[in-house]
Amino acid sequence: MTDTKTKEKKAGPELGSKQKKFLKGLGHSLTPVVAVGKEGLTEKIITATALELSRHELIKVKIGKSSPASRQETAEVLSTGSESSLVQIIGKTILLYKKNPKLDKDKQIRLP
């Protein structure tokens, strides 16, 4: 008997090097919209990340100095939890991308 309620989440599709380079360029001017603080990776942070990705497709996440989780662990958990693709980790900042076909055509990011 299988349990259909427990869906295993996975990170978004792998991005090619040209796509990552393109997204890094777009993400350069962005300000972080999600912050991971001293509470670490809570369900609330993962939900907020997924919500912001549905609004913007490309977001920055800032990891606070007091966060107990490592930046690599944070990036993996957030990308898996929000089913997004990890674009880049620079210092304490993570860049995530998730395509949203429901956005207006003029607001969607068109990858090369």
PDB file of N, CA and C in Angstrom:
ATOM      1  N   MET A   1       0.839  -1.182   0.000  1.00  0.00           N
ATOM      2  CA  MET A   1       0.000   0.000   0.000  1.00  0.00           C
ATOM      3  C   MET A   1       0.883   1.243   0.000  1.00  0.00           C
ATOM      4  N   THR A   2       0.647   2.145  -0.923  1.00  0.00           N
ATOM      5  CA  THR A   2       1.465   3.350  -1.005  1.00  0.00           C
ATOM      6  C   THR A   2       0.704   4.545  -0.463  1.00  0.00           C
ATOM      7  N   ASP A   3       1.440   5.451   0.123  1.00  0.00           N
ATOM      8  CA  ASP A   3       0.850   6.657   0.677  1.00  0.00           C
ATOM      9  C   ASP A   3       0.980   7.772  -0.351  1.00  0.00           C
ATOM     10  N   THR A   4      -0.136   8.167  -0.937  1.00  0.00           N
ATOM     11  CA  THR A   4      -0.104   9.186  -1.986  1.00  0.00           C
ATOM     12  C   THR A   4      -0.037  10.603  -1.433  1.00  0.00           C
ATOM     13  N   LYS A   5      -0.218  10.764  -0.144  1.00  0.00           N
ATOM     14  CA  LYS A   5      -0.195  12.098   0.452  1.00  0.00           C
ATOM     15  C   LYS A   5       1.218  12.642   0.602  1.00  0.00           C
ATOM     16  N   THR A   6       2.200  11.782   0.762  1.00  0.00           N
ATOM     17  CA  THR A   6       3.564  12.247   0.938  1.00  0.00           C
ATOM     18  C   THR A   6       4.254  12.327  -0.412  1.00  0.00           C
ATOM     19  N   LYS A   7       4.313  13.523  -0.928  1.00  0.00           N
ATOM     20  CA  LYS A   7       5.004  13.744  -2.184  1.00  0.00           C
ATOM     21  C   LYS A   7       6.430  14.154  -1.875  1.00  0.00           C
ATOM     22  N   GLU A   8       7.350  13.546  -2.576  1.00  0.00           N
ATOM     23  CA  GLU A   8       8.744  13.906  -2.376  1.00  0.00           C
ATOM     24  C   GLU A   8       9.054  15.111  -3.245  1.00  0.00           C
ATOM     25  N   LYS A   9       9.469  16.192  -2.590  1.00  0.00           N
ATOM     26  CA  LYS A   9       9.807  17.394  -3.337  1.00  0.00           C
ATOM     27  C   LYS A   9      11.234  17.275  -3.848  1.00  0.00           C
ATOM     28  N   LYS A  10      11.469  17.888  -4.999  1.00  0.00           N
ATOM     29  CA  LYS A  10      12.817  17.898  -5.535  1.00  0.00           C
ATOM     30  C   LYS A  10      13.109  19.281  -6.086  1.00  0.00           C
ATOM     31  N   ALA A  11      14.369  19.575  -6.228  1.00  0.00           N
ATOM     32  CA  ALA A  11      14.770  20.869  -6.760  1.00  0.00           C
ATOM     33  C   ALA A  11      14.295  20.984  -8.202  1.00  0.00           C
ATOM     34  N   GLY A  12      14.251  22.221  -8.689  1.00  0.00           N
ATOM     35  CA  GLY A  12      13.824  22.474 -10.055  1.00  0.00           C
ATOM     36  C   GLY A  12      14.804  21.902 -11.057  1.00  0.00           C
ATOM     37  N   PRO A  13      14.511  22.086 -12.340  1.00  0.00           N
ATOM     38  CA  PRO A  13      15.371  21.528 -13.389  1.00  0.00           C
ATOM     39  C   PRO A  13      16.775  22.138 -13.365  1.00  0.00           C
ATOM     40  N   GLU A  14      17.749  21.346 -13.780  1.00  0.00           N
ATOM     41  CA  GLU A  14      19.119  21.831 -13.870  1.00  0.00           C
ATOM     42  C   GLU A  14      19.197  22.903 -14.941  1.00  0.00           C
ATOM     43  N   LEU A  15      19.942  23.939 -14.642  1.00  0.00           N
ATOM     44  CA  LEU A  15      20.122  25.021 -15.602  1.00  0.00           C
ATOM     45  C   LEU A  15      21.462  24.864 -16.299  1.00  0.00           C
ATOM     46  N   GLY A  16      21.495  25.211 -17.571  1.00  0.00           N
ATOM     47  CA  GLY A  16      22.741  25.175 -18.318  1.00  0.00           C
ATOM     48  C   GLY A  16      23.609  26.371 -17.963  1.00  0.00           C
ATOM     49  N   SER A  17      24.861  26.362 -18.379  1.00  0.00           N
ATOM     50  CA  SER A  17      25.776  27.442 -18.027  1.00  0.00           C
ATOM     51  C   SER A  17      25.348  28.780 -18.644  1.00  0.00           C
ATOM     52  N   LYS A  18      24.819  28.756 -19.867  1.00  0.00           N
ATOM     53  CA  LYS A  18      24.334  29.999 -20.487  1.00  0.00           C
ATOM     54  C   LYS A  18      23.136  30.553 -19.736  1.00  0.00           C
ATOM     55  N   GLN A  19      22.252  29.653 -19.301  1.00  0.00           N
ATOM     56  CA  GLN A  19      21.068  30.080 -18.555  1.00  0.00           C
ATOM     57  C   GLN A  19      21.467  30.671 -17.207  1.00  0.00           C
ATOM     58  N   LYS A  20      22.407  30.015 -16.524  1.00  0.00           N
ATOM     59  CA  LYS A  20      22.869  30.529 -15.232  1.00  0.00           C
ATOM     60  C   LYS A  20      23.521  31.895 -15.394  1.00  0.00           C
ATOM     61  N   LYS A  21      24.346  32.046 -16.415  1.00  0.00           N
ATOM     62  CA  LYS A  21      25.019  33.320 -16.658  1.00  0.00           C
ATOM     63  C   LYS A  21      23.991  34.420 -16.910  1.00  0.00           C
ATOM     64  N   PHE A  22      22.968  34.118 -17.696  1.00  0.00           N
ATOM     65  CA  PHE A  22      21.891  35.062 -17.990  1.00  0.00           C
ATOM     66  C   PHE A  22      21.162  35.469 -16.706  1.00  0.00           C
ATOM     67  N   LEU A  23      20.813  34.476 -15.877  1.00  0.00           N
ATOM     68  CA  LEU A  23      20.083  34.743 -14.631  1.00  0.00           C
ATOM     69  C   LEU A  23      20.943  35.503 -13.623  1.00  0.00           C
ATOM     70  N   LYS A  24      22.243  35.209 -13.577  1.00  0.00           N
ATOM     71  CA  LYS A  24      23.146  35.950 -12.686  1.00  0.00           C
ATOM     72  C   LYS A  24      23.154  37.427 -13.049  1.00  0.00           C
ATOM     73  N   GLY A  25      23.151  37.703 -14.347  1.00  0.00           N
ATOM     74  CA  GLY A  25      23.111  39.090 -14.807  1.00  0.00           C
ATOM     75  C   GLY A  25      21.825  39.785 -14.380  1.00  0.00           C
ATOM     76  N   LEU A  26      20.700  39.092 -14.500  1.00  0.00           N
ATOM     77  CA  LEU A  26      19.416  39.655 -14.073  1.00  0.00           C
ATOM     78  C   LEU A  26      19.358  39.823 -12.555  1.00  0.00           C
ATOM     79  N   GLY A  27      19.959  38.891 -11.837  1.00  0.00           N
ATOM     80  CA  GLY A  27      19.882  38.905 -10.384  1.00  0.00           C
ATOM     81  C   GLY A  27      20.804  39.905  -9.719  1.00  0.00           C
ATOM     82  N   HIS A  28      21.766  40.422 -10.468  1.00  0.00           N
ATOM     83  CA  HIS A  28      22.756  41.337  -9.895  1.00  0.00           C
ATOM     84  C   HIS A  28      22.111  42.540  -9.213  1.00  0.00           C
ATOM     85  N   SER A  29      21.101  43.111  -9.832  1.00  0.00           N
ATOM     86  CA  SER A  29      20.493  44.331  -9.296  1.00  0.00           C
ATOM     87  C   SER A  29      19.352  44.071  -8.314  1.00  0.00           C
ATOM     88  N   LEU A  30      19.008  42.820  -8.097  1.00  0.00           N
ATOM     89  CA  LEU A  30      17.910  42.501  -7.182  1.00  0.00           C
ATOM     90  C   LEU A  30      18.304  42.717  -5.728  1.00  0.00           C
ATOM     91  N   THR A  31      17.324  43.029  -4.908  1.00  0.00           N
ATOM     92  CA  THR A  31      17.545  43.080  -3.461  1.00  0.00           C
ATOM     93  C   THR A  31      16.919  41.817  -2.863  1.00  0.00           C
ATOM     94  N   PRO A  32      17.481  41.312  -1.767  1.00  0.00           N
ATOM     95  CA  PRO A  32      16.924  40.099  -1.149  1.00  0.00           C
ATOM     96  C   PRO A  32      15.483  40.313  -0.682  1.00  0.00           C
ATOM     97  N   VAL A  33      14.626  39.328  -0.979  1.00  0.00           N
ATOM     98  CA  VAL A  33      13.221  39.414  -0.572  1.00  0.00           C
ATOM     99  C   VAL A  33      12.890  38.435   0.560  1.00  0.00           C
ATOM    100  N   VAL A  34      13.810  37.510   0.835  1.00  0.00           N
ATOM    101  CA  VAL A  34      13.640  36.556   1.931  1.00  0.00           C
ATOM    102  C   VAL A  34      14.922  36.589   2.765  1.00  0.00           C
ATOM    103  N   ALA A  35      14.765  36.576   4.086  1.00  0.00           N
ATOM    104  CA  ALA A  35      15.930  36.573   4.973  1.00  0.00           C
ATOM    105  C   ALA A  35      15.840  35.388   5.926  1.00  0.00           C
ATOM    106  N   VAL A  36      16.950  34.661   6.045  1.00  0.00           N
ATOM    107  CA  VAL A  36      17.033  33.533   6.977  1.00  0.00           C
ATOM    108  C   VAL A  36      17.767  34.045   8.206  1.00  0.00           C
ATOM    109  N   GLY A  37      17.093  34.024   9.354  1.00  0.00           N
ATOM    110  CA  GLY A  37      17.662  34.577  10.581  1.00  0.00           C
ATOM    111  C   GLY A  37      18.121  33.519  11.556  1.00  0.00           C
ATOM    112  N   LYS A  38      18.130  33.899  12.830  1.00  0.00           N
ATOM    113  CA  LYS A  38      18.638  33.007  13.875  1.00  0.00           C
ATOM    114  C   LYS A  38      17.781  31.771  14.095  1.00  0.00           C
ATOM    115  N   GLU A  39      16.508  31.807  13.622  1.00  0.00           N
ATOM    116  CA  GLU A  39      15.643  30.628  13.742  1.00  0.00           C
ATOM    117  C   GLU A  39      16.065  29.547  12.755  1.00  0.00           C
ATOM    118  N   GLY A  40      16.798  29.951  11.727  1.00  0.00           N
ATOM    119  CA  GLY A  40      17.252  28.987  10.719  1.00  0.00           C
ATOM    120  C   GLY A  40      16.184  28.705   9.696  1.00  0.00           C
ATOM    121  N   LEU A  41      16.223  27.512   9.157  1.00  0.00           N
ATOM    122  CA  LEU A  41      15.299  27.126   8.083  1.00  0.00           C
ATOM    123  C   LEU A  41      13.997  26.584   8.657  1.00  0.00           C
ATOM    124  N   THR A  42      13.028  27.439   8.773  1.00  0.00           N
ATOM    125  CA  THR A  42      11.717  27.022   9.262  1.00  0.00           C
ATOM    126  C   THR A  42      10.787  26.804   8.070  1.00  0.00           C
ATOM    127  N   GLU A  43       9.671  26.176   8.329  1.00  0.00           N
ATOM    128  CA  GLU A  43       8.665  25.957   7.287  1.00  0.00           C
ATOM    129  C   GLU A  43       8.160  27.301   6.763  1.00  0.00           C
ATOM    130  N   LYS A  44       8.120  28.281   7.642  1.00  0.00           N
ATOM    131  CA  LYS A  44       7.666  29.624   7.272  1.00  0.00           C
ATOM    132  C   LYS A  44       8.609  30.254   6.231  1.00  0.00           C
ATOM    133  N   ILE A  45       9.898  30.063   6.391  1.00  0.00           N
ATOM    134  CA  ILE A  45      10.892  30.598   5.448  1.00  0.00           C
ATOM    135  C   ILE A  45      10.759  29.900   4.096  1.00  0.00           C
ATOM    136  N   ILE A  46      10.576  28.587   4.118  1.00  0.00           N
ATOM    137  CA  ILE A  46      10.427  27.818   2.871  1.00  0.00           C
ATOM    138  C   ILE A  46       9.158  28.250   2.139  1.00  0.00           C
ATOM    139  N   THR A  47       8.069  28.448   2.874  1.00  0.00           N
ATOM    140  CA  THR A  47       6.812  28.899   2.285  1.00  0.00           C
ATOM    141  C   THR A  47       6.961  30.299   1.694  1.00  0.00           C
ATOM    142  N   ALA A  48       7.636  31.189   2.423  1.00  0.00           N
ATOM    143  CA  ALA A  48       7.852  32.552   1.935  1.00  0.00           C
ATOM    144  C   ALA A  48       8.693  32.541   0.657  1.00  0.00           C
ATOM    145  N   THR A  49       9.683  31.660   0.604  1.00  0.00           N
ATOM    146  CA  THR A  49      10.528  31.537  -0.585  1.00  0.00           C
ATOM    147  C   THR A  49       9.700  31.087  -1.785  1.00  0.00           C
ATOM    148  N   ALA A  50       8.866  30.067  -1.586  1.00  0.00           N
ATOM    149  CA  ALA A  50       8.010  29.575  -2.675  1.00  0.00           C
ATOM    150  C   ALA A  50       7.042  30.659  -3.145  1.00  0.00           C
ATOM    151  N   LEU A  51       6.483  31.426  -2.208  1.00  0.00           N
ATOM    152  CA  LEU A  51       5.553  32.498  -2.551  1.00  0.00           C
ATOM    153  C   LEU A  51       6.248  33.586  -3.377  1.00  0.00           C
ATOM    154  N   GLU A  52       7.416  34.007  -2.942  1.00  0.00           N
ATOM    155  CA  GLU A  52       8.151  35.051  -3.670  1.00  0.00           C
ATOM    156  C   GLU A  52       8.569  34.572  -5.057  1.00  0.00           C
ATOM    157  N   LEU A  53       8.936  33.296  -5.171  1.00  0.00           N
ATOM    158  CA  LEU A  53       9.293  32.745  -6.479  1.00  0.00           C
ATOM    159  C   LEU A  53       8.092  32.737  -7.424  1.00  0.00           C
ATOM    160  N   SER A  54       6.906  32.490  -6.883  1.00  0.00           N
ATOM    161  CA  SER A  54       5.713  32.502  -7.733  1.00  0.00           C
ATOM    162  C   SER A  54       5.395  33.921  -8.208  1.00  0.00           C
ATOM    163  N   ARG A  55       5.811  34.915  -7.454  1.00  0.00           N
ATOM    164  CA  ARG A  55       5.577  36.309  -7.825  1.00  0.00           C
ATOM    165  C   ARG A  55       6.635  36.851  -8.784  1.00  0.00           C
ATOM    166  N   HIS A  56       7.895  36.428  -8.594  1.00  0.00           N
ATOM    167  CA  HIS A  56       9.003  37.064  -9.301  1.00  0.00           C
ATOM    168  C   HIS A  56       9.832  36.148 -10.198  1.00  0.00           C
ATOM    169  N   GLU A  57       9.765  34.851 -10.041  1.00  0.00           N
ATOM    170  CA  GLU A  57      10.564  33.853 -10.768  1.00  0.00           C
ATOM    171  C   GLU A  57      12.032  33.830 -10.348  1.00  0.00           C
ATOM    172  N   LEU A  58      12.641  34.978 -10.136  1.00  0.00           N
ATOM    173  CA  LEU A  58      14.055  35.051  -9.748  1.00  0.00           C
ATOM    174  C   LEU A  58      14.161  35.889  -8.482  1.00  0.00           C
ATOM    175  N   ILE A  59      14.703  35.298  -7.412  1.00  0.00           N
ATOM    176  CA  ILE A  59      14.794  36.025  -6.143  1.00  0.00           C
ATOM    177  C   ILE A  59      16.157  35.819  -5.490  1.00  0.00           C
ATOM    178  N   LYS A  60      16.476  36.758  -4.596  1.00  0.00           N
ATOM    179  CA  LYS A  60      17.661  36.633  -3.758  1.00  0.00           C
ATOM    180  C   LYS A  60      17.200  36.327  -2.338  1.00  0.00           C
ATOM    181  N   VAL A  61      17.961  35.454  -1.671  1.00  0.00           N
ATOM    182  CA  VAL A  61      17.706  35.118  -0.275  1.00  0.00           C
ATOM    183  C   VAL A  61      18.962  35.470   0.508  1.00  0.00           C
ATOM    184  N   LYS A  62      18.813  36.222   1.580  1.00  0.00           N
ATOM    185  CA  LYS A  62      19.950  36.629   2.413  1.00  0.00           C
ATOM    186  C   LYS A  62      20.003  35.748   3.654  1.00  0.00           C
ATOM    187  N   ILE A  63      21.182  35.214   3.946  1.00  0.00           N
ATOM    188  CA  ILE A  63      21.383  34.409   5.150  1.00  0.00           C
ATOM    189  C   ILE A  63      22.027  35.297   6.199  1.00  0.00           C
ATOM    190  N   GLY A  64      21.364  35.440   7.326  1.00  0.00           N
ATOM    191  CA  GLY A  64      21.881  36.286   8.398  1.00  0.00           C
ATOM    192  C   GLY A  64      23.098  35.664   9.081  1.00  0.00           C
ATOM    193  N   LYS A  65      23.885  36.512   9.742  1.00  0.00           N
ATOM    194  CA  LYS A  65      25.092  36.041  10.432  1.00  0.00           C
ATOM    195  C   LYS A  65      24.769  35.075  11.562  1.00  0.00           C
ATOM    196  N   SER A  66      23.577  35.217  12.141  1.00  0.00           N
ATOM    197  CA  SER A  66      23.209  34.374  13.278  1.00  0.00           C
ATOM    198  C   SER A  66      22.489  33.089  12.868  1.00  0.00           C
ATOM    199  N   SER A  67      22.367  32.846  11.571  1.00  0.00           N
ATOM    200  CA  SER A  67      21.677  31.637  11.099  1.00  0.00           C
ATOM    201  C   SER A  67      22.519  30.399  11.412  1.00  0.00           C
ATOM    202  N   PRO A  68      21.894  29.375  12.017  1.00  0.00           N
ATOM    203  CA  PRO A  68      22.650  28.173  12.382  1.00  0.00           C
ATOM    204  C   PRO A  68      22.992  27.269  11.191  1.00  0.00           C
ATOM    205  N   ALA A  69      22.275  27.390  10.093  1.00  0.00           N
ATOM    206  CA  ALA A  69      22.495  26.515   8.939  1.00  0.00           C
ATOM    207  C   ALA A  69      23.595  27.079   8.040  1.00  0.00           C
ATOM    208  N   SER A  70      24.348  26.193   7.420  1.00  0.00           N
ATOM    209  CA  SER A  70      25.381  26.632   6.478  1.00  0.00           C
ATOM    210  C   SER A  70      24.724  27.164   5.219  1.00  0.00           C
ATOM    211  N   ARG A  71      25.468  27.927   4.451  1.00  0.00           N
ATOM    212  CA  ARG A  71      24.878  28.503   3.240  1.00  0.00           C
ATOM    213  C   ARG A  71      24.554  27.431   2.208  1.00  0.00           C
ATOM    214  N   GLN A  72      25.396  26.387   2.109  1.00  0.00           N
ATOM    215  CA  GLN A  72      25.128  25.302   1.155  1.00  0.00           C
ATOM    216  C   GLN A  72      23.875  24.529   1.568  1.00  0.00           C
ATOM    217  N   GLU A  73      23.764  24.236   2.849  1.00  0.00           N
ATOM    218  CA  GLU A  73      22.592  23.518   3.361  1.00  0.00           C
ATOM    219  C   GLU A  73      21.324  24.355   3.157  1.00  0.00           C
ATOM    220  N   THR A  74      21.412  25.644   3.434  1.00  0.00           N
ATOM    221  CA  THR A  74      20.277  26.547   3.252  1.00  0.00           C
ATOM    222  C   THR A  74      19.836  26.566   1.796  1.00  0.00           C
ATOM    223  N   ALA A  75      20.795  26.671   0.883  1.00  0.00           N
ATOM    224  CA  ALA A  75      20.487  26.702  -0.554  1.00  0.00           C
ATOM    225  C   ALA A  75      19.801  25.416  -1.001  1.00  0.00           C
ATOM    226  N   GLU A  76      20.301  24.281  -0.534  1.00  0.00           N
ATOM    227  CA  GLU A  76      19.720  22.989  -0.921  1.00  0.00           C
ATOM    228  C   GLU A  76      18.301  22.834  -0.387  1.00  0.00           C
ATOM    229  N   VAL A  77      18.104  23.177   0.885  1.00  0.00           N
ATOM    230  CA  VAL A  77      16.783  23.026   1.504  1.00  0.00           C
ATOM    231  C   VAL A  77      15.772  23.969   0.843  1.00  0.00           C
ATOM    232  N   LEU A  78      16.166  25.210   0.596  1.00  0.00           N
ATOM    233  CA  LEU A  78      15.241  26.167  -0.018  1.00  0.00           C
ATOM    234  C   LEU A  78      14.918  25.800  -1.463  1.00  0.00           C
ATOM    235  N   SER A  79      15.914  25.363  -2.226  1.00  0.00           N
ATOM    236  CA  SER A  79      15.634  25.004  -3.617  1.00  0.00           C
ATOM    237  C   SER A  79      14.770  23.751  -3.697  1.00  0.00           C
ATOM    238  N   THR A  80      15.001  22.801  -2.819  1.00  0.00           N
ATOM    239  CA  THR A  80      14.177  21.597  -2.791  1.00  0.00           C
ATOM    240  C   THR A  80      12.772  21.911  -2.276  1.00  0.00           C
ATOM    241  N   GLY A  81      12.698  22.648  -1.170  1.00  0.00           N
ATOM    242  CA  GLY A  81      11.409  22.975  -0.560  1.00  0.00           C
ATOM    243  C   GLY A  81      10.515  23.813  -1.454  1.00  0.00           C
ATOM    244  N   SER A  82      11.129  24.669  -2.278  1.00  0.00           N
ATOM    245  CA  SER A  82      10.337  25.523  -3.167  1.00  0.00           C
ATOM    246  C   SER A  82      10.315  24.997  -4.598  1.00  0.00           C
ATOM    247  N   GLU A  83      10.953  23.848  -4.817  1.00  0.00           N
ATOM    248  CA  GLU A  83      11.051  23.206  -6.137  1.00  0.00           C
ATOM    249  C   GLU A  83      11.612  24.169  -7.178  1.00  0.00           C
ATOM    250  N   SER A  84      12.660  24.886  -6.782  1.00  0.00           N
ATOM    251  CA  SER A  84      13.293  25.861  -7.667  1.00  0.00           C
ATOM    252  C   SER A  84      14.711  25.420  -8.016  1.00  0.00           C
ATOM    253  N   SER A  85      15.331  26.165  -8.915  1.00  0.00           N
ATOM    254  CA  SER A  85      16.696  25.871  -9.333  1.00  0.00           C
ATOM    255  C   SER A  85      17.653  26.833  -8.652  1.00  0.00           C
ATOM    256  N   LEU A  86      18.734  26.293  -8.105  1.00  0.00           N
ATOM    257  CA  LEU A  86      19.772  27.109  -7.496  1.00  0.00           C
ATOM    258  C   LEU A  86      20.630  27.690  -8.613  1.00  0.00           C
ATOM    259  N   VAL A  87      20.697  29.010  -8.669  1.00  0.00           N
ATOM    260  CA  VAL A  87      21.483  29.676  -9.704  1.00  0.00           C
ATOM    261  C   VAL A  87      22.888  29.961  -9.187  1.00  0.00           C
ATOM    262  N   GLN A  88      22.967  30.500  -7.960  1.00  0.00           N
ATOM    263  CA  GLN A  88      24.257  30.969  -7.475  1.00  0.00           C
ATOM    264  C   GLN A  88      24.237  31.148  -5.959  1.00  0.00           C
ATOM    265  N   ILE A  89      25.417  30.968  -5.350  1.00  0.00           N
ATOM    266  CA  ILE A  89      25.624  31.309  -3.952  1.00  0.00           C
ATOM    267  C   ILE A  89      26.839  32.229  -3.920  1.00  0.00           C
ATOM    268  N   ILE A  90      26.636  33.450  -3.459  1.00  0.00           N
ATOM    269  CA  ILE A  90      27.751  34.386  -3.292  1.00  0.00           C
ATOM    270  C   ILE A  90      27.712  34.869  -1.858  1.00  0.00           C
ATOM    271  N   GLY A  91      28.759  34.551  -1.123  1.00  0.00           N
ATOM    272  CA  GLY A  91      28.798  34.945   0.283  1.00  0.00           C
ATOM    273  C   GLY A  91      27.603  34.373   1.006  1.00  0.00           C
ATOM    274  N   LYS A  92      26.813  35.242   1.589  1.00  0.00           N
ATOM    275  CA  LYS A  92      25.619  34.823   2.333  1.00  0.00           C
ATOM    276  C   LYS A  92      24.340  35.109   1.547  1.00  0.00           C
ATOM    277  N   THR A  93      24.461  35.195   0.229  1.00  0.00           N
ATOM    278  CA  THR A  93      23.314  35.472  -0.624  1.00  0.00           C
ATOM    279  C   THR A  93      23.111  34.339  -1.624  1.00  0.00           C
ATOM    280  N   ILE A  94      21.862  33.895  -1.737  1.00  0.00           N
ATOM    281  CA  ILE A  94      21.502  32.792  -2.636  1.00  0.00           C
ATOM    282  C   ILE A  94      20.579  33.344  -3.713  1.00  0.00           C
ATOM    283  N   LEU A  95      20.795  32.915  -4.950  1.00  0.00           N
ATOM    284  CA  LEU A  95      19.942  33.310  -6.061  1.00  0.00           C
ATOM    285  C   LEU A  95      19.181  32.079  -6.537  1.00  0.00           C
ATOM    286  N   LEU A  96      17.831  32.151  -6.511  1.00  0.00           N
ATOM    287  CA  LEU A  96      16.975  31.037  -6.902  1.00  0.00           C
ATOM    288  C   LEU A  96      16.073  31.426  -8.070  1.00  0.00           C
ATOM    289  N   TYR A  97      15.768  30.444  -8.918  1.00  0.00           N
ATOM    290  CA  TYR A  97      14.899  30.667 -10.074  1.00  0.00           C
ATOM    291  C   TYR A  97      13.863  29.561 -10.168  1.00  0.00           C
ATOM    292  N   LYS A  98      12.630  29.968 -10.468  1.00  0.00           N
ATOM    293  CA  LYS A  98      11.572  28.995 -10.728  1.00  0.00           C
ATOM    294  C   LYS A  98      10.624  29.587 -11.761  1.00  0.00           C
ATOM    295  N   LYS A  99      10.484  28.896 -12.880  1.00  0.00           N
ATOM    296  CA  LYS A  99       9.598  29.354 -13.953  1.00  0.00           C
ATOM    297  C   LYS A  99       8.155  29.330 -13.469  1.00  0.00           C
ATOM    298  N   ASN A 100       7.406  30.397 -13.822  1.00  0.00           N
ATOM    299  CA  ASN A 100       5.990  30.477 -13.471  1.00  0.00           C
ATOM    300  C   ASN A 100       5.194  30.827 -14.724  1.00  0.00           C
ATOM    301  N   PRO A 101       4.606  29.823 -15.381  1.00  0.00           N
ATOM    302  CA  PRO A 101       3.855  30.080 -16.606  1.00  0.00           C
ATOM    303  C   PRO A 101       2.580  30.888 -16.381  1.00  0.00           C
ATOM    304  N   LYS A 102       2.152  31.061 -15.126  1.00  0.00           N
ATOM    305  CA  LYS A 102       0.929  31.813 -14.832  1.00  0.00           C
ATOM    306  C   LYS A 102       1.157  33.330 -14.818  1.00  0.00           C
ATOM    307  N   LEU A 103       2.416  33.760 -14.785  1.00  0.00           N
ATOM    308  CA  LEU A 103       2.710  35.190 -14.816  1.00  0.00           C
ATOM    309  C   LEU A 103       2.377  35.760 -16.184  1.00  0.00           C
ATOM    310  N   ASP A 104       2.134  37.068 -16.230  1.00  0.00           N
ATOM    311  CA  ASP A 104       1.919  37.733 -17.519  1.00  0.00           C
ATOM    312  C   ASP A 104       3.131  37.479 -18.397  1.00  0.00           C
ATOM    313  N   LYS A 105       2.888  37.359 -19.698  1.00  0.00           N
ATOM    314  CA  LYS A 105       3.971  37.059 -20.647  1.00  0.00           C
ATOM    315  C   LYS A 105       5.095  38.089 -20.569  1.00  0.00           C
ATOM    316  N   ASP A 106       4.744  39.367 -20.348  1.00  0.00           N
ATOM    317  CA  ASP A 106       5.772  40.409 -20.294  1.00  0.00           C
ATOM    318  C   ASP A 106       6.578  40.386 -18.995  1.00  0.00           C
ATOM    319  N   LYS A 107       6.100  39.667 -17.982  1.00  0.00           N
ATOM    320  CA  LYS A 107       6.823  39.577 -16.710  1.00  0.00           C
ATOM    321  C   LYS A 107       7.637  38.294 -16.591  1.00  0.00           C
ATOM    322  N   GLN A 108       7.408  37.359 -17.480  1.00  0.00           N
ATOM    323  CA  GLN A 108       8.145  36.091 -17.440  1.00  0.00           C
ATOM    324  C   GLN A 108       9.578  36.271 -17.918  1.00  0.00           C
ATOM    325  N   ILE A 109      10.475  35.508 -17.326  1.00  0.00           N
ATOM    326  CA  ILE A 109      11.870  35.524 -17.750  1.00  0.00           C
ATOM    327  C   ILE A 109      12.020  34.487 -18.856  1.00  0.00           C
ATOM    328  N   ARG A 110      12.584  34.907 -19.962  1.00  0.00           N
ATOM    329  CA  ARG A 110      12.813  33.999 -21.092  1.00  0.00           C
ATOM    330  C   ARG A 110      14.274  33.585 -21.093  1.00  0.00           C
ATOM    331  N   LEU A 111      14.492  32.331 -20.779  1.00  0.00           N
ATOM    332  CA  LEU A 111      15.868  31.827 -20.729  1.00  0.00           C
ATOM    333  C   LEU A 111      16.416  31.599 -22.126  1.00  0.00           C
ATOM    334  N   PRO A 112      17.741  31.822 -22.293  1.00  0.00           N
ATOM    335  CA  PRO A 112      18.362  31.558 -23.598  1.00  0.00           C
ATOM    336  C   PRO A 112      18.425  30.072 -23.892  1.00  0.00           C
TER     337      PRO A 112
END
